[in-house]
Amino acid sequence: MLRNHTKTVRVGDRLLGGDNPILIQSMCNTKTEDVAATVAQIHALEEAGCDVIRVAVPTMEAAAAVREIKRQIRIPLVADIHFDYRLAIASMEAGADKIRINPGNIGSRERIFAVVEKAKEYGVPIRVGVNSGSLEKEIVKKYGCVTADGLVESALDKVHILESFDFDQIVISIKSSDVRMSIEAHEKLAKCTDYPLHVGITEAGSAYAGNIKSAIGIGTILYQGIGDTIRVSLTDDPLEEIRSAKLILRTLGLRQEGVELVSCPTCGRTQIDLIGLAKQAEELVSHYPLPIKVAVMGCVVNGPGEAREADLGIAGGNGEGLLFRKGEVLRKVPESELLNELKKELDNYGLL
């Protein structure tokens, strides 16, 4: 898949844009002032595969907490700022690797300039952008309603403000809860700029609806070579955002690490609890960083053949099942031992 060539921006020890891997982001839902809870959540997210983490900074206490949080984590930390430019400055002084601001609600040019000067001093990139729910009234009036063109114009206006202060360490975010509008806006924006783009569907919803909207929206945008970092925004545990983001990237062939699980739908031939088995297998394989495909099939008659392309697989029957590799049966095992046998194969994979 060809990707748009974008400018490379350093975020902590990670490189964003250019030919670098697409980074996965999430945002803590803890109170940033609660350092212990925030650090614990970041560690869990990092273990799950998060590359960059963002925290809300609504108070000076939260900005001060950035220093201690940063000391205890390994991945880059982004400070999310609204309204008060002093919070952005304090966050950078405390060690934030990147800040997210909306120049439109920071205030005067003098205040924006103060933020930019501090970003230059500390080598911190700035993410700017627009959300369809907060689009400026004059732009909405110009286009008659919220449109993709309006989103692009608003985002570029903010970029031009930063550029006017001779600043180019910029990441652009342009989000809408409308999937089709998001796709169109990214297509238009990618033709207008070479800054790296942060892609996501905002206010996507719960895990069920949000995953569908995000997979379609983010997936379509990425498939066109657009996007350098993504966040799957869910009204759920942030860990679910990481799992979903990894799956979107792996499905598109943009990431290889981690096991891909495939499973067949149930049918009248199924004689095991295939739904339960697949869920347990999904949990099992999530702990292995192997770039392989594992199949869970519900029929010992056709299962191994139908999943021939899988590196490993199990197929259940009536009280017993099969363990297979590349379509070839390795051995027959009791149904109750299918997962244990699969685990043994995963533990030894690459050692055989």
Protein backbone atom coordinates (compact mmCIF):
# COMPACT_ATOMS: atom_id res chain seq x y z
CA MET A 1 0.00 0.00 0.00
CA LEU A 2 1.44 3.37 -1.00
CA ARG A 3 1.36 6.05 1.68
CA ASN A 4 1.33 9.80 1.23
CA HIS A 5 4.74 11.30 1.80
CA THR A 6 4.48 13.56 4.82
CA LYS A 7 6.90 15.57 6.90
CA THR A 8 8.57 13.70 9.77
CA VAL A 9 7.94 15.05 13.26
CA ARG A 10 9.66 13.73 16.39
CA VAL A 11 7.42 12.96 19.38
CA GLY A 12 9.61 11.92 22.28
CA ASP A 13 11.61 8.96 21.01
CA ARG A 14 9.14 8.19 18.21
CA LEU A 15 9.06 9.48 14.65
CA LEU A 16 5.67 10.44 13.27
CA GLY A 17 5.08 10.75 9.53
CA GLY A 18 7.28 10.05 6.55
CA ASP A 19 7.85 6.34 5.99
CA ASN A 20 7.66 5.56 9.69
CA PRO A 21 5.12 3.05 11.06
CA ILE A 22 1.66 4.39 11.80
CA LEU A 23 1.52 5.05 15.53
CA ILE A 24 -1.35 3.98 17.77
CA GLN A 25 -2.63 6.49 20.29
CA SER A 26 -5.13 6.53 23.11
CA MET A 27 -6.12 8.94 25.88
CA CYS A 28 -6.28 8.26 29.61
CA ASN A 29 -9.67 8.58 31.26
CA THR A 30 -8.12 8.97 34.70
CA LYS A 31 -7.74 12.29 36.47
CA THR A 32 -4.25 13.41 35.47
CA GLU A 33 -3.77 14.83 38.96
CA ASP A 34 -3.99 11.22 40.22
CA VAL A 35 -0.49 10.21 39.20
CA ALA A 36 -0.68 6.61 40.43
CA ALA A 37 -3.92 5.82 38.59
CA THR A 38 -2.75 7.55 35.43
CA VAL A 39 0.61 5.77 35.38
CA ALA A 40 -1.05 2.40 36.01
CA GLN A 41 -3.39 2.94 33.07
CA ILE A 42 -0.55 4.05 30.80
CA HIS A 43 1.47 0.95 31.66
CA ALA A 44 -1.51 -1.27 30.78
CA LEU A 45 -2.04 0.60 27.51
CA GLU A 46 1.64 0.38 26.61
CA GLU A 47 1.63 -3.36 27.25
CA ALA A 48 -1.40 -3.66 24.97
CA GLY A 49 0.42 -1.86 22.14
CA CYS A 50 -0.11 1.87 22.64
CA ASP A 51 2.67 3.97 21.09
CA VAL A 52 1.71 7.46 22.26
CA ILE A 53 -0.55 8.44 25.16
CA ARG A 54 -2.50 11.65 25.78
CA VAL A 55 -3.69 13.06 29.08
CA ALA A 56 -6.08 15.90 29.84
CA VAL A 57 -4.53 18.98 31.42
CA PRO A 58 -7.40 21.16 32.70
CA THR A 59 -5.59 22.52 35.77
CA MET A 60 -2.14 23.63 36.90
CA GLU A 61 -2.12 20.64 39.25
CA ALA A 62 -2.55 18.38 36.23
CA ALA A 63 0.24 20.19 34.39
CA ALA A 64 2.53 19.71 37.38
CA ALA A 65 1.63 16.00 37.49
CA VAL A 66 2.98 15.59 33.95
CA ARG A 67 6.54 15.67 35.34
CA GLU A 68 6.06 12.71 37.65
CA ILE A 69 3.94 10.75 35.16
CA LYS A 70 6.59 11.26 32.50
CA ARG A 71 9.27 9.98 34.89
CA GLN A 72 7.42 6.69 35.38
CA ILE A 73 6.44 5.81 31.79
CA ARG A 74 8.31 4.90 28.61
CA ILE A 75 6.05 6.03 25.76
CA PRO A 76 5.68 9.67 24.61
CA LEU A 77 3.20 11.80 26.53
CA VAL A 78 0.84 14.33 24.94
CA ALA A 79 -0.77 17.09 26.99
CA ASP A 80 -4.31 17.99 25.91
CA ILE A 81 -4.94 21.70 26.42
CA HIS A 82 -8.04 23.85 26.08
CA PHE A 83 -8.49 27.58 26.68
CA ASP A 84 -5.58 28.39 29.02
CA TYR A 85 -2.28 28.91 27.20
CA ARG A 86 -0.43 28.82 30.52
CA LEU A 87 -1.33 25.13 30.89
CA ALA A 88 0.41 24.41 27.59
CA ILE A 89 3.55 26.22 28.70
CA ALA A 90 3.55 24.51 32.11
CA SER A 91 3.04 21.08 30.50
CA MET A 92 6.02 21.54 28.20
CA GLU A 93 8.17 22.71 31.09
CA ALA A 94 7.09 19.56 32.97
CA GLY A 95 8.25 17.33 30.13
CA ALA A 96 5.30 16.77 27.76
CA ASP A 97 6.55 15.37 24.45
CA LYS A 98 3.77 16.99 22.44
CA ILE A 99 0.84 19.28 23.09
CA ARG A 100 -2.60 19.36 21.58
CA ILE A 101 -4.16 22.81 21.32
CA ASN A 102 -6.84 24.62 19.39
CA PRO A 103 -5.36 28.05 18.60
CA GLY A 104 -8.92 29.31 18.23
CA ASN A 105 -9.70 28.86 21.92
CA ILE A 106 -6.26 29.69 23.31
CA GLY A 107 -6.85 33.40 22.83
CA SER A 108 -4.84 36.26 21.37
CA ARG A 109 -1.93 35.97 18.96
CA GLU A 110 0.34 36.98 21.81
CA ARG A 111 -0.75 33.94 23.81
CA ILE A 112 -0.37 31.61 20.85
CA PHE A 113 3.07 33.10 20.21
CA ALA A 114 4.06 32.39 23.82
CA VAL A 115 3.06 28.73 23.39
CA VAL A 116 4.95 28.44 20.10
CA GLU A 117 8.09 29.99 21.55
CA LYS A 118 8.06 27.51 24.42
CA ALA A 119 7.51 24.65 21.94
CA LYS A 120 10.55 25.82 19.98
CA GLU A 121 12.62 26.05 23.15
CA TYR A 122 11.76 22.52 24.24
CA GLY A 123 11.56 20.92 20.79
CA VAL A 124 7.91 19.97 21.29
CA PRO A 125 5.56 19.47 18.31
CA ILE A 126 2.04 20.86 18.36
CA ARG A 127 -1.06 19.02 17.23
CA VAL A 128 -3.71 21.37 15.91
CA GLY A 129 -6.99 20.68 14.28
CA VAL A 130 -10.70 20.88 14.25
CA ASN A 131 -13.69 18.91 15.42
CA SER A 132 -16.95 19.14 13.49
CA GLY A 133 -18.77 19.86 16.74
CA SER A 134 -16.68 22.94 17.45
CA LEU A 135 -16.29 24.41 13.97
CA GLU A 136 -16.16 28.21 13.97
CA LYS A 137 -19.53 29.91 13.46
CA GLU A 138 -18.27 32.03 10.56
CA ILE A 139 -17.10 28.95 8.66
CA VAL A 140 -20.40 27.15 9.29
CA LYS A 141 -22.20 30.25 8.01
CA LYS A 142 -19.94 30.45 4.94
CA TYR A 143 -20.73 26.87 3.86
CA GLY A 144 -24.30 26.79 5.17
CA CYS A 145 -23.60 23.88 7.52
CA VAL A 146 -20.73 21.73 8.73
CA THR A 147 -18.94 20.39 5.63
CA ALA A 148 -15.69 18.68 4.71
CA ASP A 149 -14.52 21.87 2.99
CA GLY A 150 -15.22 23.86 6.13
CA LEU A 151 -13.28 21.40 8.27
CA VAL A 152 -10.28 21.61 5.95
CA GLU A 153 -10.39 25.41 5.84
CA SER A 154 -10.56 25.63 9.62
CA ALA A 155 -7.65 23.22 10.10
CA LEU A 156 -5.46 25.04 7.59
CA ASP A 157 -6.29 28.38 9.19
CA LYS A 158 -4.86 27.05 12.46
CA VAL A 159 -1.78 25.71 10.72
CA HIS A 160 -1.19 29.10 9.10
CA ILE A 161 -1.29 30.77 12.51
CA LEU A 162 1.56 28.55 13.73
CA GLU A 163 3.46 28.97 10.47
CA SER A 164 3.24 32.74 10.83
CA PHE A 165 5.47 32.33 13.90
CA ASP A 166 7.98 30.31 11.86
CA PHE A 167 6.87 27.00 13.40
CA ASP A 168 6.52 23.81 11.39
CA GLN A 169 6.61 20.94 13.90
CA ILE A 170 2.92 20.41 13.36
CA VAL A 171 0.54 17.45 13.36
CA ILE A 172 -2.98 18.03 12.02
CA SER A 173 -6.16 16.44 13.33
CA ILE A 174 -9.44 16.82 11.47
CA LYS A 175 -12.31 14.85 12.97
CA SER A 176 -16.02 14.37 12.62
CA SER A 177 -18.53 11.90 14.01
CA ASP A 178 -19.87 11.64 10.44
CA VAL A 179 -17.83 8.89 8.78
CA ARG A 180 -18.40 10.00 5.19
CA MET A 181 -17.55 13.60 6.04
CA SER A 182 -14.38 12.47 7.80
CA ILE A 183 -13.26 10.47 4.77
CA GLU A 184 -13.94 13.35 2.39
CA ALA A 185 -12.20 15.86 4.65
CA HIS A 186 -9.06 13.73 4.90
CA GLU A 187 -8.99 13.24 1.15
CA LYS A 188 -9.15 16.99 0.63
CA LEU A 189 -6.69 17.84 3.39
CA ALA A 190 -4.08 15.35 2.19
CA LYS A 191 -3.93 17.23 -1.13
CA CYS A 192 -3.29 20.56 0.63
CA THR A 193 -0.53 19.78 3.11
CA ASP A 194 2.43 17.53 3.82
CA TYR A 195 2.13 17.70 7.60
CA PRO A 196 1.50 14.32 9.28
CA LEU A 197 -2.16 13.59 9.98
CA HIS A 198 -3.77 12.23 13.14
CA VAL A 199 -6.75 10.15 11.99
CA GLY A 200 -9.85 9.19 13.94
CA ILE A 201 -13.62 9.26 14.03
CA THR A 202 -14.60 11.44 16.96
CA GLU A 203 -17.46 10.57 19.29
CA ALA A 204 -17.72 7.21 17.54
CA GLY A 205 -19.76 5.69 20.36
CA SER A 206 -19.71 2.48 22.36
CA ALA A 207 -17.42 -0.45 21.60
CA TYR A 208 -19.94 -2.01 19.21
CA ALA A 209 -21.00 1.02 17.17
CA GLY A 210 -17.70 2.83 17.62
CA ASN A 211 -15.66 -0.06 16.29
CA ILE A 212 -17.79 -0.35 13.17
CA LYS A 213 -17.66 3.38 12.46
CA SER A 214 -13.93 3.55 13.18
CA ALA A 215 -13.07 0.50 11.11
CA ILE A 216 -14.93 1.89 8.11
CA GLY A 217 -13.77 5.48 8.51
CA ILE A 218 -10.16 5.01 9.62
CA GLY A 219 -9.75 1.97 7.41
CA THR A 220 -10.94 3.78 4.29
CA ILE A 221 -8.67 6.75 4.99
CA LEU A 222 -5.63 4.57 5.66
CA TYR A 223 -6.30 2.43 2.59
CA GLN A 224 -5.78 5.54 0.48
CA GLY A 225 -2.34 6.03 2.01
CA ILE A 226 -3.51 8.87 4.24
CA GLY A 227 -2.65 9.04 7.94
CA ASP A 228 0.39 8.77 10.19
CA THR A 229 -1.15 8.10 13.61
CA ILE A 230 -4.59 6.89 14.65
CA ARG A 231 -6.86 6.85 17.65
CA VAL A 232 -9.98 4.71 17.82
CA SER A 233 -12.26 6.81 20.05
CA LEU A 234 -14.59 4.58 22.06
CA THR A 235 -16.88 5.12 25.00
CA ASP A 236 -15.23 2.19 26.70
CA ASP A 237 -12.04 1.08 28.40
CA PRO A 238 -9.09 2.68 26.54
CA LEU A 239 -7.59 -0.80 26.22
CA GLU A 240 -10.34 -1.57 23.73
CA GLU A 241 -9.14 1.37 21.62
CA ILE A 242 -5.68 -0.20 21.35
CA ARG A 243 -6.98 -3.65 20.46
CA SER A 244 -9.21 -2.17 17.77
CA ALA A 245 -6.48 0.05 16.35
CA LYS A 246 -4.06 -2.87 16.11
CA LEU A 247 -6.65 -4.95 14.32
CA ILE A 248 -7.42 -2.19 11.81
CA LEU A 249 -3.73 -1.78 11.00
CA ARG A 250 -3.09 -5.51 10.81
CA THR A 251 -6.13 -6.07 8.58
CA LEU A 252 -4.76 -3.50 6.13
CA GLY A 253 -1.30 -5.03 6.23
CA LEU A 254 0.15 -1.92 7.87
CA ARG A 255 1.35 -3.82 10.93
CA GLN A 256 2.58 -7.37 11.17
CA GLU A 257 3.12 -7.99 14.87
CA GLY A 258 0.54 -9.95 16.80
CA VAL A 259 -1.52 -13.03 16.04
CA GLU A 260 -4.39 -12.73 13.57
CA LEU A 261 -7.30 -14.91 14.66
CA VAL A 262 -9.75 -16.24 12.07
CA SER A 263 -12.79 -18.34 12.92
CA CYS A 264 -15.69 -19.78 11.01
CA PRO A 265 -19.34 -18.88 11.59
CA THR A 266 -21.41 -21.53 13.29
CA CYS A 267 -23.66 -23.82 11.31
CA GLY A 268 -25.77 -26.92 11.74
CA ARG A 269 -22.68 -29.17 11.68
CA THR A 270 -21.18 -27.48 14.75
CA GLN A 271 -21.09 -29.78 17.76
CA ILE A 272 -19.09 -27.63 20.16
CA ASP A 273 -19.46 -24.23 21.80
CA LEU A 274 -17.62 -22.55 18.95
CA ILE A 275 -18.52 -19.02 20.05
CA GLY A 276 -17.10 -19.62 23.52
CA LEU A 277 -14.04 -21.41 22.12
CA ALA A 278 -13.29 -18.57 19.72
CA LYS A 279 -13.53 -15.97 22.50
CA GLN A 280 -11.16 -17.95 24.70
CA ALA A 281 -8.74 -18.44 21.81
CA GLU A 282 -8.87 -14.73 21.05
CA GLU A 283 -7.84 -13.95 24.62
CA LEU A 284 -5.10 -16.59 24.49
CA VAL A 285 -3.44 -15.41 21.27
CA SER A 286 -3.54 -11.74 22.35
CA HIS A 287 -0.56 -12.46 24.62
CA TYR A 288 1.72 -13.61 21.78
CA PRO A 289 3.63 -11.11 19.59
CA LEU A 290 3.87 -13.67 16.79
CA PRO A 291 3.12 -12.47 13.23
CA ILE A 292 1.04 -15.55 12.41
CA LYS A 293 -2.53 -16.57 11.64
CA VAL A 294 -4.45 -18.87 13.97
CA ALA A 295 -7.76 -20.49 12.98
CA VAL A 296 -10.61 -21.69 15.18
CA MET A 297 -12.97 -23.91 13.24
CA GLY A 298 -16.16 -25.67 14.26
CA CYS A 299 -15.99 -28.72 12.02
CA VAL A 300 -13.34 -31.44 12.05
CA VAL A 301 -14.47 -32.57 8.60
CA ASN A 302 -13.78 -29.36 6.67
CA GLY A 303 -12.02 -27.19 9.25
CA PRO A 304 -8.34 -27.92 8.49
CA GLY A 305 -8.90 -27.69 4.75
CA GLU A 306 -10.88 -24.47 4.89
CA ALA A 307 -8.22 -22.90 7.12
CA ARG A 308 -5.28 -24.21 5.11
CA GLU A 309 -3.63 -20.79 5.02
CA ALA A 310 -3.54 -20.56 8.83
CA ASP A 311 -0.18 -21.19 10.48
CA LEU A 312 -1.90 -22.99 13.36
CA GLY A 313 -5.46 -23.99 14.06
CA ILE A 314 -7.91 -26.03 16.04
CA ALA A 315 -11.13 -27.63 14.89
CA GLY A 316 -13.74 -28.96 17.29
CA GLY A 317 -15.96 -31.99 16.95
CA ASN A 318 -18.17 -34.12 19.16
CA GLY A 319 -16.07 -34.50 22.29
CA GLU A 320 -12.78 -34.30 20.42
CA GLY A 321 -10.94 -32.01 18.06
CA LEU A 322 -7.97 -31.58 15.79
CA LEU A 323 -4.83 -29.51 16.06
CA PHE A 324 -3.45 -28.60 12.65
CA ARG A 325 -0.70 -26.62 10.98
CA LYS A 326 -0.93 -25.24 7.43
CA GLY A 327 -3.92 -27.51 6.78
CA GLU A 328 -2.11 -30.66 7.92
CA VAL A 329 -3.45 -32.44 11.00
CA LEU A 330 -0.88 -32.69 13.79
CA ARG A 331 -2.90 -34.73 16.24
CA LYS A 332 -6.33 -35.52 17.60
CA VAL A 333 -7.04 -34.29 21.12
CA PRO A 334 -9.97 -34.29 23.56
CA GLU A 335 -12.21 -31.25 23.11
CA SER A 336 -11.39 -30.07 26.63
CA GLU A 337 -7.68 -29.92 25.75
CA LEU A 338 -7.93 -27.94 22.50
CA LEU A 339 -6.89 -24.62 24.01
CA ASN A 340 -4.10 -26.17 26.09
CA GLU A 341 -2.69 -27.89 23.02
CA LEU A 342 -2.92 -24.68 21.02
CA LYS A 343 -1.04 -22.88 23.80
CA LYS A 344 1.74 -25.48 23.69
CA GLU A 345 2.15 -24.92 19.96
CA LEU A 346 2.20 -21.14 20.40
CA ASP A 347 4.77 -21.40 23.20
CA ASN A 348 7.04 -23.47 20.96
CA TYR A 349 6.31 -21.68 17.68
CA GLY A 350 9.51 -20.85 15.86
CA LEU A 351 11.46 -23.35 17.96
CA LEU A 352 10.33 -26.39 16.02
